[in-house]
Every structure is written in C-alpha cells, then in structure tokens.
Amino acid sequence: MNTITKFFIFLLVLLGFTCCDKVKNTVSYTANVPIYMSRDEFKITTRASAARPMQYPGKICLYGDYLFINEVNEGIHVVDNTDPSAPYIVTFIEIMGNVDLAAKDGILYADNLVDLLMFDISEPKSPKLKSRMENVFEGVLPAFNNEFPLSKFDISDKIIVGWEQKKVIEDVEFYKPCMGCYYYGALASDASWAENKRQTSVPAAPITGVNGSMSRFAIADDFLYAVSIKSLPYPQGLLKIVNIENNQANLVNTLNIGTNVETLFAYEDHLFMGMSNGMQIFSIENPSAPVYIASSWHFWGCDPVVVNGNYVYLTVRSTNTCGQNNNILQVWDIKNISQPALVSQFALQEPYGLGIDGNQLFICDKGLKVFDATDPLLAGNKLLFSTADFMGYDLIPYNNLLLVIGDDGLYQYRYSSDNQLTRLSSIAVLK
C-alpha cells in the first residue's frame, strides 16, 4: 500500500465519514421573494401615458430638440427642449425595469428587463412601440435588496418584475454531524447566495442621439452596443451587438466582457468600456464582431469614460460598493491605442459622469465642475467654474448646450469658447 493511499484512509477514519446520515431540517429566513408576471401581462405594461414629474431620474439621451430621461426602473420622460430656457415634459413612456436608452433616425431603443424595445419617435410627443426583441437580455433580474438572499424561483414560463421581502420556510437536506465530521453550508435555496449581488423634434437628416457617460448603450453607425449584466444561471457580463440598419433590429453577436463593466462609450471605430477596476478598449472596424485591443487598470472604484482625440478621461469614485477611498480624474494617452498610458491624475471629491467638448471638460463632482483641458495633462489643475447648488449624476455637453441630470432634476447651461457658463433652466424632481 503506497503512502498516499494510507494517508487518505487515515483521514477517513479520523473524520468518521462512515457514520454520517443524510437528514432534513426546516429553516426559516427573510429573502427576496419574486413577483411574477406572465409574458402577455408583461407586454401590455409598456405604453405611453400622460406627462408626470421626475422623481428618480437616471440616464439621459439628447435627440434633436428633445431629451429622453430615464426614470429609474419605471420608464422614460420625453422632454420638449426646443427652447432650452423653458423645457417641459410632454409625455412619459411606462417601461418596467428600464435603465438604459439610445436613439437614432427616429427610433428610441430601451431595455425592458429582459427585452429590447424600439419606439417610433418621428413624433416625439406621441411615441409608439414599433417592435420588441424578446430575451435579448436573458438572465437579467430586476434590482433587489442586497441585504437578503433570493428565494427559489421559476422563470420557465414567466418574468420576474420585482421582489418583496418575506419570511421563507423550507426544508434543507444536509449530512448529520458525527464524531470528527464537520458540515458547512448555506441555508438559503440554490438560487440565493451565489447570485444576489448586482448593481445599478426629429431633424429631417439622419441623426444619432447623444448619451451621457454613465450609459451602457452606445450607437455607432448601424449598430447598437449594449452591456448586459446577466445573473442567471451565474453572474456574467455580456456585450450585445444589434444591427439596426434601416430601422430594423437583429441581434448578430454576443461577447463575454466580464461582470465589472459599468459604462460604454463609442468613439470613432472603438468602444471604450469603463470598469470597476479599469478600462477596456475594443475595435469595431468590423462592427458586428468587436475585437479586444487593450486594457488599463487601477484600484477598485466606479468609473465612466469619455474620449477626445488622443486622450481618454475617466473618473474614479470611492463612495459606493466598488471598494476604495480614491476620488480622482485620470487622463490616459491613447496615441498608441494598444498601449494606453496614464499621463495625469487629479484629486476630486465624489465624481460621477463627465463629458468633454473642445477644450472644456465637464465633471459631476459634488455638483458641477468645469475645467480647461487645452492641455490634457494639466486639465484637473485649471478649474473654470464650480457650483454645489445641486448634485449632478451625469451630463451631456453638445453644441454649447450643457445638460446635467441629478437627484435634484435637470439643469441646463449655455457655454462658450471663452469659458463663459450661463444657467438657462431647470426641471425639479417631485419631492
């Protein structure tokens, strides 16, 4: 008998495995219990309704003279911005679980939990559902309370549209401890512990909407790229590639990109992905099959990314679930795009979204800050404007119009090449 065999026999005797019996025990715990809806019921929840005040605004898209503002997990506000000094909400599109959006050529694209929706916005005040692509975002779950595990659920013929916290009582099978025999295991059901962390006027000419930096949707030419964080059957980050040529939509590819991708920014023939620990760059020279080019890494922190010329600007925020105590602006040189180089870093307070237009860099940082980025390497040292009158979440600078969305609502400014910034209007949230 060799030494290894003797060793394993010794362990079996020591641990006493021969005397363990399989038993059942009834346990109770508080869990996220699913709220179900049949697919037929789910479909009819999407509809245009009367304008309503913003309460929890999220991501934003500028399209011509209209703004489309996400109401987190509930739908999209349509805002007539023909006069930026007097914007007003004209309608609301009810969409369960909506968090992302994008627009091009008279079509608004929006996520509806597991589905991708396309709305005809040729008349923005009267958006009409054009088509629905089912299960593009399969395995995506609605947001839930991370303090509790998920109870057992079945989505074979229905859709989870929400959660409620309830006491769950169930039988759990395990091996009865015996002399020298130790058992370690979670009491919650199979779907609970491993999967419970997830975060959260039409011009005549063709036009692509402009998204804020926190977006997970990006449009480049005839393709929509969408980041999907799938929870089932295991956590997975996916990039969905949808061909939207001629206002049709066809899912043509899916890439595994990792679960820590948070934002997506398209620039020329590349995609820039902001991650909780860095940035990834993909080439979209072949738009239906993005190819990985390079990565840059930093300490853990949540970060969006924007690009201008040969430089990438990204912010890293610590006051979140990402894990560190750093609040900074980083500037990366991408002249050699396969080898991004960190060239500058500046301290901030609590940054969220950012944007750049020409030589002006705009950052949501305990309000709003504007920097002179004429020299990208010195951008964070040249503060031009700062206000803490509101808490900005994301922004869009476009054609001298600055749109800022935050917990307090929508704020608009006019900016100029001589660094003047004039506040035009605001739409407050419902308190």
Protein backbone atom coordinates (compact mmCIF):
# COMPACT_ATOMS: atom_id res chain seq x y z
CA MET A 1 0.00 0.00 0.00
CA ASN A 2 1.55 3.31 -1.05
CA THR A 3 1.93 6.35 1.20
CA ILE A 4 -0.86 8.42 -0.48
CA THR A 5 -3.42 5.62 -0.06
CA LYS A 6 -2.52 5.21 3.61
CA PHE A 7 -2.92 8.97 4.12
CA PHE A 8 -6.47 9.06 2.71
CA ILE A 9 -7.53 6.03 4.77
CA PHE A 10 -6.21 7.82 7.85
CA LEU A 11 -8.31 10.91 7.01
CA LEU A 12 -11.49 8.87 6.53
CA VAL A 13 -11.05 7.20 9.91
CA LEU A 14 -10.21 10.49 11.60
CA LEU A 15 -13.23 12.35 10.18
CA GLY A 16 -15.62 9.49 10.80
CA PHE A 17 -17.41 9.75 7.41
CA THR A 18 -18.82 6.24 7.79
CA CYS A 19 -21.26 7.30 10.48
CA CYS A 20 -22.84 10.41 8.86
CA ASP A 21 -26.55 10.25 7.94
CA LYS A 22 -28.45 12.47 5.50
CA VAL A 23 -31.25 14.33 7.28
CA LYS A 24 -33.73 17.13 6.66
CA ASN A 25 -34.23 20.26 8.71
CA THR A 26 -36.82 23.02 8.42
CA VAL A 27 -35.33 26.51 8.34
CA SER A 28 -36.79 30.00 8.07
CA TYR A 29 -35.13 33.18 6.84
CA THR A 30 -36.04 36.51 5.24
CA ALA A 31 -35.48 36.54 1.49
CA ASN A 32 -36.27 38.43 -1.70
CA VAL A 33 -39.36 36.63 -2.98
CA PRO A 34 -40.12 37.17 -6.70
CA ILE A 35 -43.15 38.99 -8.05
CA TYR A 36 -44.12 37.22 -11.28
CA MET A 37 -45.92 38.31 -14.40
CA SER A 38 -46.88 36.30 -17.46
CA ARG A 39 -45.32 37.44 -20.74
CA ASP A 40 -48.71 38.58 -22.05
CA GLU A 41 -49.24 40.68 -18.91
CA PHE A 42 -45.68 41.97 -19.12
CA LYS A 43 -46.10 43.21 -22.70
CA ILE A 44 -49.13 45.36 -22.00
CA THR A 45 -47.38 47.26 -19.19
CA THR A 46 -45.40 49.19 -21.83
CA ARG A 47 -47.34 52.24 -23.01
CA ALA A 48 -47.19 55.99 -23.46
CA SER A 49 -49.02 57.89 -20.73
CA ALA A 50 -49.54 61.43 -19.51
CA ALA A 51 -46.54 63.55 -18.52
CA ARG A 52 -45.54 63.18 -14.89
CA PRO A 53 -42.89 64.77 -12.68
CA MET A 54 -39.43 63.23 -12.38
CA GLN A 55 -38.74 61.51 -9.07
CA TYR A 56 -35.64 59.35 -9.53
CA PRO A 57 -34.05 60.43 -12.82
CA GLY A 58 -31.27 58.32 -14.24
CA LYS A 59 -29.62 58.23 -17.65
CA ILE A 60 -30.20 60.80 -20.35
CA CYS A 61 -30.21 60.99 -24.16
CA LEU A 62 -30.29 64.17 -26.27
CA TYR A 63 -32.01 63.73 -29.64
CA GLY A 64 -32.59 66.79 -31.77
CA ASP A 65 -34.80 69.18 -29.84
CA TYR A 66 -35.92 66.51 -27.38
CA LEU A 67 -34.50 64.91 -24.27
CA PHE A 68 -35.25 61.37 -23.16
CA ILE A 69 -34.66 60.94 -19.43
CA ASN A 70 -34.83 57.60 -17.68
CA GLU A 71 -36.98 57.31 -14.57
CA VAL A 72 -35.05 54.53 -12.85
CA ASN A 73 -36.74 51.14 -13.34
CA GLU A 74 -40.01 52.74 -14.43
CA GLY A 75 -39.70 54.32 -17.87
CA ILE A 76 -38.68 57.38 -19.87
CA HIS A 77 -39.68 61.04 -19.68
CA VAL A 78 -39.95 62.82 -23.04
CA VAL A 79 -38.92 66.48 -22.72
CA ASP A 80 -39.52 69.14 -25.35
CA ASN A 81 -36.29 71.16 -25.35
CA THR A 82 -36.94 73.31 -28.38
CA ASP A 83 -36.33 76.27 -26.08
CA PRO A 84 -33.63 75.22 -23.55
CA SER A 85 -34.70 78.17 -21.40
CA ALA A 86 -38.16 76.67 -20.98
CA PRO A 87 -38.12 72.85 -21.32
CA TYR A 88 -41.20 70.87 -20.38
CA ILE A 89 -42.14 67.21 -20.06
CA VAL A 90 -44.64 66.20 -22.75
CA THR A 91 -45.22 62.52 -22.09
CA PHE A 92 -43.99 59.50 -20.16
CA ILE A 93 -43.28 56.04 -21.56
CA GLU A 94 -44.01 53.35 -18.99
CA ILE A 95 -41.32 50.62 -19.23
CA MET A 96 -40.78 48.14 -16.40
CA GLY A 97 -37.16 47.78 -15.33
CA ASN A 98 -35.87 50.42 -17.75
CA VAL A 99 -32.41 51.85 -17.01
CA ASP A 100 -30.80 52.44 -20.45
CA LEU A 101 -31.73 54.13 -23.69
CA ALA A 102 -30.35 55.40 -27.02
CA ALA A 103 -31.81 56.95 -30.17
CA LYS A 104 -31.12 57.09 -33.89
CA ASP A 105 -33.03 58.02 -37.04
CA GLY A 106 -36.45 58.33 -35.43
CA ILE A 107 -36.14 55.22 -33.25
CA LEU A 108 -35.70 55.12 -29.47
CA TYR A 109 -34.10 51.97 -28.07
CA ALA A 110 -34.77 50.98 -24.45
CA ASP A 111 -34.31 47.97 -22.20
CA ASN A 112 -37.41 46.40 -20.66
CA LEU A 113 -35.85 43.98 -18.15
CA VAL A 114 -35.09 41.02 -20.45
CA ASP A 115 -36.39 42.60 -23.69
CA LEU A 116 -35.15 45.31 -26.05
CA LEU A 117 -37.82 47.77 -27.22
CA MET A 118 -37.90 50.05 -30.25
CA PHE A 119 -40.17 53.10 -30.29
CA ASP A 120 -41.09 55.23 -33.29
CA ILE A 121 -40.29 58.81 -32.20
CA SER A 122 -40.87 60.53 -35.52
CA GLU A 123 -43.46 62.39 -33.46
CA PRO A 124 -41.66 62.53 -30.09
CA LYS A 125 -44.72 63.76 -28.23
CA SER A 126 -46.53 60.57 -29.27
CA PRO A 127 -44.01 57.72 -29.14
CA LYS A 128 -45.28 54.40 -30.48
CA LEU A 129 -43.92 50.95 -29.75
CA LYS A 130 -42.56 49.69 -33.07
CA SER A 131 -41.20 46.29 -32.10
CA ARG A 132 -39.96 44.13 -29.26
CA MET A 133 -36.97 41.77 -29.24
CA GLU A 134 -37.64 39.18 -26.57
CA ASN A 135 -34.92 37.86 -24.25
CA VAL A 136 -32.07 39.92 -25.68
CA PHE A 137 -31.04 40.44 -22.06
CA GLU A 138 -31.88 36.93 -20.87
CA GLY A 139 -30.91 36.16 -17.29
CA VAL A 140 -31.21 39.78 -16.16
CA LEU A 141 -33.06 40.26 -12.88
CA PRO A 142 -34.72 43.41 -11.55
CA ALA A 143 -32.89 45.21 -8.73
CA PHE A 144 -33.36 43.66 -5.29
CA ASN A 145 -32.41 44.27 -1.67
CA ASN A 146 -28.83 43.06 -1.30
CA GLU A 147 -29.25 42.56 2.44
CA PHE A 148 -31.25 39.39 1.80
CA PRO A 149 -30.75 36.30 -0.37
CA LEU A 150 -33.04 35.32 -3.22
CA SER A 151 -35.64 32.66 -2.57
CA LYS A 152 -36.23 29.84 -5.04
CA PHE A 153 -37.89 30.93 -8.25
CA ASP A 154 -39.02 29.57 -11.60
CA ILE A 155 -38.85 31.69 -14.76
CA SER A 156 -39.56 28.95 -17.29
CA ASP A 157 -42.91 30.46 -18.30
CA LYS A 158 -43.00 33.86 -16.58
CA ILE A 159 -40.98 37.00 -15.91
CA ILE A 160 -39.77 38.36 -12.57
CA VAL A 161 -40.78 42.03 -12.43
CA GLY A 162 -39.90 42.81 -8.81
CA TRP A 163 -39.27 41.48 -5.32
CA GLU A 164 -40.79 41.60 -1.87
CA GLN A 165 -39.04 40.74 1.37
CA LYS A 166 -40.79 37.87 3.13
CA LYS A 167 -40.06 35.10 5.61
CA VAL A 168 -39.37 31.84 3.76
CA ILE A 169 -39.79 28.43 5.37
CA GLU A 170 -38.27 25.43 3.61
CA ASP A 171 -36.72 22.04 4.15
CA VAL A 172 -32.96 21.76 3.72
CA GLU A 173 -31.15 18.45 3.31
CA PHE A 174 -27.73 18.01 4.86
CA TYR A 175 -25.48 15.38 6.44
CA LYS A 176 -25.90 14.96 10.18
CA PRO A 177 -22.65 15.83 12.01
CA CYS A 178 -20.93 12.96 13.70
CA MET A 179 -17.64 12.41 15.56
CA GLY A 180 -14.96 14.38 13.76
CA CYS A 181 -17.36 15.25 10.89
CA TYR A 182 -17.97 18.93 10.13
CA TYR A 183 -20.55 20.38 7.77
CA TYR A 184 -20.52 23.90 6.39
CA GLY A 185 -23.28 25.16 4.11
CA ALA A 186 -25.70 27.99 3.38
CA LEU A 187 -29.27 27.52 4.48
CA ALA A 188 -30.78 29.58 1.67
CA SER A 189 -32.03 27.99 -1.54
CA ASP A 190 -29.95 27.17 -4.60
CA ALA A 191 -30.54 30.47 -6.33
CA SER A 192 -29.78 32.64 -3.34
CA TRP A 193 -26.23 33.32 -2.24
CA ALA A 194 -24.22 32.99 -5.42
CA GLU A 195 -26.46 35.27 -7.45
CA ASN A 196 -27.56 38.01 -5.08
CA LYS A 197 -25.02 40.75 -5.90
CA ARG A 198 -25.83 43.02 -8.82
CA GLN A 199 -25.97 46.57 -9.14
CA THR A 200 -27.46 49.98 -10.64
CA SER A 201 -38.11 67.26 -32.69
CA VAL A 202 -36.68 64.88 -35.20
CA PRO A 203 -34.48 66.53 -37.84
CA ALA A 204 -35.02 65.71 -41.49
CA ALA A 205 -31.46 64.42 -41.84
CA PRO A 206 -30.34 61.19 -40.13
CA ILE A 207 -29.16 61.78 -36.59
CA THR A 208 -27.78 59.75 -33.73
CA GLY A 209 -28.73 60.73 -30.19
CA VAL A 210 -26.06 61.78 -27.70
CA ASN A 211 -25.87 59.81 -24.46
CA GLY A 212 -24.35 60.67 -21.12
CA SER A 213 -21.17 58.97 -19.90
CA MET A 214 -22.99 56.63 -17.49
CA SER A 215 -24.77 54.85 -20.34
CA ARG A 216 -24.48 51.14 -21.07
CA PHE A 217 -25.96 51.67 -24.56
CA ALA A 218 -23.88 53.08 -27.43
CA ILE A 219 -24.69 53.52 -31.12
CA ALA A 220 -22.01 53.52 -33.81
CA ASP A 221 -23.12 53.67 -37.45
CA ASP A 222 -25.71 50.92 -37.95
CA PHE A 223 -25.07 49.06 -34.71
CA LEU A 224 -26.36 49.29 -31.16
CA TYR A 225 -23.98 48.00 -28.49
CA ALA A 226 -25.46 47.18 -25.10
CA VAL A 227 -23.83 45.97 -21.89
CA SER A 228 -25.92 43.36 -20.11
CA ILE A 229 -25.17 42.06 -16.62
CA LYS A 230 -26.71 38.61 -16.53
CA SER A 231 -27.48 36.98 -13.18
CA LEU A 232 -28.71 33.56 -14.29
CA PRO A 233 -27.63 30.83 -14.27
CA TYR A 234 -24.46 32.55 -12.95
CA PRO A 235 -23.16 36.16 -12.98
CA GLN A 236 -21.90 37.13 -16.42
CA GLY A 237 -21.17 40.40 -18.24
CA LEU A 238 -22.16 40.42 -21.90
CA LEU A 239 -21.88 42.83 -24.82
CA LYS A 240 -24.91 42.56 -27.09
CA ILE A 241 -24.38 43.65 -30.71
CA VAL A 242 -27.59 44.58 -32.54
CA ASN A 243 -27.72 45.55 -36.22
CA ILE A 244 -30.18 48.46 -36.51
CA GLU A 245 -29.75 49.21 -40.21
CA ASN A 246 -32.89 50.57 -41.91
CA ASN A 247 -34.64 50.85 -38.55
CA GLN A 248 -34.73 47.08 -38.18
CA ALA A 249 -33.12 45.27 -35.26
CA ASN A 250 -31.32 41.95 -35.34
CA LEU A 251 -29.09 40.52 -32.63
CA VAL A 252 -25.95 39.47 -34.51
CA ASN A 253 -23.42 38.71 -31.79
CA THR A 254 -22.81 38.40 -28.06
CA LEU A 255 -19.41 38.76 -26.38
CA ASN A 256 -18.37 37.88 -22.84
CA ILE A 257 -16.80 41.03 -21.34
CA GLY A 258 -16.79 40.36 -17.59
CA THR A 259 -19.19 41.41 -14.86
CA ASN A 260 -17.32 44.58 -13.83
CA VAL A 261 -18.09 46.63 -16.97
CA GLU A 262 -20.16 49.65 -15.91
CA THR A 263 -20.25 52.11 -18.82
CA LEU A 264 -19.89 52.14 -22.60
CA PHE A 265 -18.59 54.93 -24.86
CA ALA A 266 -18.25 54.74 -28.66
CA TYR A 267 -15.60 56.92 -30.31
CA GLU A 268 -14.69 56.67 -33.97
CA ASP A 269 -14.02 52.96 -34.59
CA HIS A 270 -13.56 51.89 -30.98
CA LEU A 271 -15.60 51.05 -27.91
CA PHE A 272 -14.34 52.19 -24.51
CA MET A 273 -15.69 50.30 -21.51
CA GLY A 274 -15.45 51.81 -18.05
CA MET A 275 -14.95 49.11 -15.44
CA SER A 276 -14.81 48.99 -11.67
CA ASN A 277 -11.09 48.30 -11.93
CA GLY A 278 -10.05 49.99 -15.15
CA MET A 279 -10.93 50.36 -18.83
CA GLN A 280 -11.19 48.01 -21.80
CA ILE A 281 -10.85 49.04 -25.45
CA PHE A 282 -12.37 47.12 -28.37
CA SER A 283 -12.01 47.77 -32.08
CA ILE A 284 -15.25 47.93 -34.08
CA GLU A 285 -13.67 48.13 -37.52
CA ASN A 286 -15.75 45.03 -38.07
CA PRO A 287 -18.83 46.37 -36.27
CA SER A 288 -20.57 43.03 -35.84
CA ALA A 289 -17.52 41.41 -34.25
CA PRO A 290 -15.68 43.74 -31.83
CA VAL A 291 -12.07 42.76 -31.16
CA TYR A 292 -10.29 43.31 -27.85
CA ILE A 293 -7.39 45.80 -28.17
CA ALA A 294 -6.14 46.75 -24.72
CA SER A 295 -6.89 47.31 -21.03
CA SER A 296 -5.78 49.75 -18.38
CA TRP A 297 -6.06 49.03 -14.68
CA HIS A 298 -6.42 50.98 -11.46
CA PHE A 299 -7.56 50.37 -7.90
CA TRP A 300 -11.20 49.47 -7.46
CA GLY A 301 -13.66 52.30 -7.98
CA CYS A 302 -16.65 53.11 -10.17
CA ASP A 303 -15.78 55.00 -13.33
CA PRO A 304 -17.28 56.32 -16.59
CA VAL A 305 -15.08 57.11 -19.61
CA VAL A 306 -15.10 59.77 -22.36
CA VAL A 307 -12.67 60.29 -25.23
CA ASN A 308 -11.43 63.31 -27.15
CA GLY A 309 -8.72 62.97 -29.78
CA ASN A 310 -5.74 61.08 -28.38
CA TYR A 311 -6.87 61.25 -24.75
CA VAL A 312 -9.24 59.32 -22.53
CA TYR A 313 -10.71 60.97 -19.44
CA LEU A 314 -12.16 58.83 -16.69
CA THR A 315 -13.31 59.43 -13.15
CA VAL A 316 -12.95 57.00 -10.26
CA ARG A 317 -15.36 57.23 -7.33
CA SER A 318 -14.99 55.65 -3.93
CA THR A 319 -18.29 56.34 -2.14
CA ASN A 320 -20.03 53.24 -3.48
CA THR A 321 -19.82 49.46 -3.48
CA CYS A 322 -16.65 49.44 -5.59
CA GLY A 323 -14.40 49.40 -2.60
CA GLN A 324 -11.67 52.02 -2.29
CA ASN A 325 -11.15 55.54 -0.93
CA ASN A 326 -9.94 57.27 -4.08
CA ASN A 327 -11.81 60.04 -5.89
CA ILE A 328 -9.84 61.08 -8.93
CA LEU A 329 -9.72 62.19 -12.55
CA GLN A 330 -7.35 60.18 -14.73
CA VAL A 331 -6.04 61.16 -18.17
CA TRP A 332 -4.79 58.40 -20.48
CA ASP A 333 -2.79 58.88 -23.67
CA ILE A 334 -4.06 56.57 -26.45
CA LYS A 335 -1.86 57.67 -29.36
CA ASN A 336 -0.77 54.04 -29.31
CA ILE A 337 -4.19 52.62 -28.62
CA SER A 338 -2.88 49.13 -27.96
CA GLN A 339 -0.83 50.52 -25.06
CA PRO A 340 -2.77 53.21 -23.14
CA ALA A 341 -0.51 55.28 -20.89
CA LEU A 342 -1.61 57.09 -17.72
CA VAL A 343 -0.24 60.64 -18.08
CA SER A 344 -2.07 62.64 -15.38
CA GLN A 345 -4.12 62.15 -12.26
CA PHE A 346 -6.01 64.71 -10.17
CA ALA A 347 -7.91 64.60 -6.88
CA LEU A 348 -11.69 65.08 -6.90
CA GLN A 349 -14.39 64.91 -4.23
CA GLU A 350 -17.08 62.47 -5.37
CA PRO A 351 -17.16 62.25 -9.20
CA TYR A 352 -19.88 60.70 -11.30
CA GLY A 353 -20.46 61.42 -15.00
CA LEU A 354 -18.28 63.57 -17.22
CA GLY A 355 -18.09 64.93 -20.75
CA ILE A 356 -15.78 66.95 -22.98
CA ASP A 357 -16.36 69.38 -25.82
CA GLY A 358 -13.38 71.08 -27.41
CA ASN A 359 -11.13 72.34 -24.64
CA GLN A 360 -13.74 72.21 -21.87
CA LEU A 361 -14.03 69.24 -19.55
CA PHE A 362 -17.24 68.94 -17.51
CA ILE A 363 -17.47 66.71 -14.42
CA CYS A 364 -20.29 65.94 -11.97
CA ASP A 365 -18.34 66.24 -8.71
CA LYS A 366 -20.30 67.26 -5.60
CA GLY A 367 -22.26 69.41 -8.02
CA LEU A 368 -20.73 70.57 -11.30
CA LYS A 369 -17.14 71.50 -12.21
CA VAL A 370 -15.74 72.77 -15.50
CA PHE A 371 -12.03 72.52 -16.34
CA ASP A 372 -9.81 73.93 -19.07
CA ALA A 373 -8.47 70.90 -20.96
CA THR A 374 -6.47 72.81 -23.56
CA ASP A 375 -3.50 70.87 -22.22
CA PRO A 376 -4.96 67.46 -21.24
CA LEU A 377 -2.04 66.77 -18.91
CA LEU A 378 -2.98 69.81 -16.79
CA ALA A 379 -6.77 69.59 -17.10
CA GLY A 380 -7.51 68.86 -13.45
CA ASN A 381 -5.50 71.90 -12.30
CA LYS A 382 -7.42 74.50 -14.29
CA LEU A 383 -10.85 74.92 -12.73
CA LEU A 384 -13.03 77.38 -14.66
CA PHE A 385 -16.37 77.00 -12.90
CA SER A 386 -17.81 75.21 -9.89
CA THR A 387 -21.21 75.01 -8.24
CA ALA A 388 -22.61 72.87 -5.45
CA ASP A 389 -26.19 74.06 -5.94
CA PHE A 390 -27.24 70.56 -6.99
CA MET A 391 -25.85 67.01 -7.06
CA GLY A 392 -25.04 66.06 -10.63
CA TYR A 393 -25.18 62.41 -11.72
CA ASP A 394 -24.45 62.63 -15.45
CA LEU A 395 -24.16 65.25 -18.17
CA ILE A 396 -24.04 65.90 -21.90
CA PRO A 397 -22.14 68.84 -23.44
CA TYR A 398 -23.23 69.36 -27.05
CA ASN A 399 -23.09 72.36 -29.37
CA ASN A 400 -22.55 74.79 -26.47
CA LEU A 401 -25.51 73.37 -24.54
CA LEU A 402 -24.76 71.57 -21.28
CA LEU A 403 -27.37 69.19 -19.85
CA VAL A 404 -26.88 67.96 -16.29
CA ILE A 405 -29.10 65.37 -14.63
CA GLY A 406 -29.02 64.62 -10.93
CA ASP A 407 -31.03 63.78 -7.84
CA ASP A 408 -32.46 67.32 -7.89
CA GLY A 409 -33.59 67.21 -11.53
CA LEU A 410 -32.44 68.57 -14.89
CA TYR A 411 -30.23 71.67 -15.24
CA GLN A 412 -29.20 73.37 -18.48
CA TYR A 413 -26.38 75.80 -19.21
CA ARG A 414 -25.08 77.64 -22.23
CA TYR A 415 -21.30 77.58 -22.53
CA SER A 416 -18.96 79.34 -24.95
CA SER A 417 -15.40 79.10 -26.23
CA ASP A 418 -14.38 81.99 -23.96
CA ASN A 419 -15.26 79.83 -20.92
CA GLN A 420 -18.48 81.63 -20.02
CA LEU A 421 -21.23 79.48 -18.46
CA THR A 422 -24.81 80.73 -18.19
CA ARG A 423 -27.59 78.84 -16.47
CA LEU A 424 -30.70 78.61 -18.66
CA SER A 425 -33.28 76.49 -16.87
CA SER A 426 -34.11 73.59 -14.62
CA ILE A 427 -36.82 71.00 -14.11
CA ALA A 428 -37.06 69.94 -10.47
CA VAL A 429 -37.92 66.48 -9.25
CA LEU A 430 -41.08 65.83 -7.29
CA LYS A 431 -40.12 65.98 -3.62
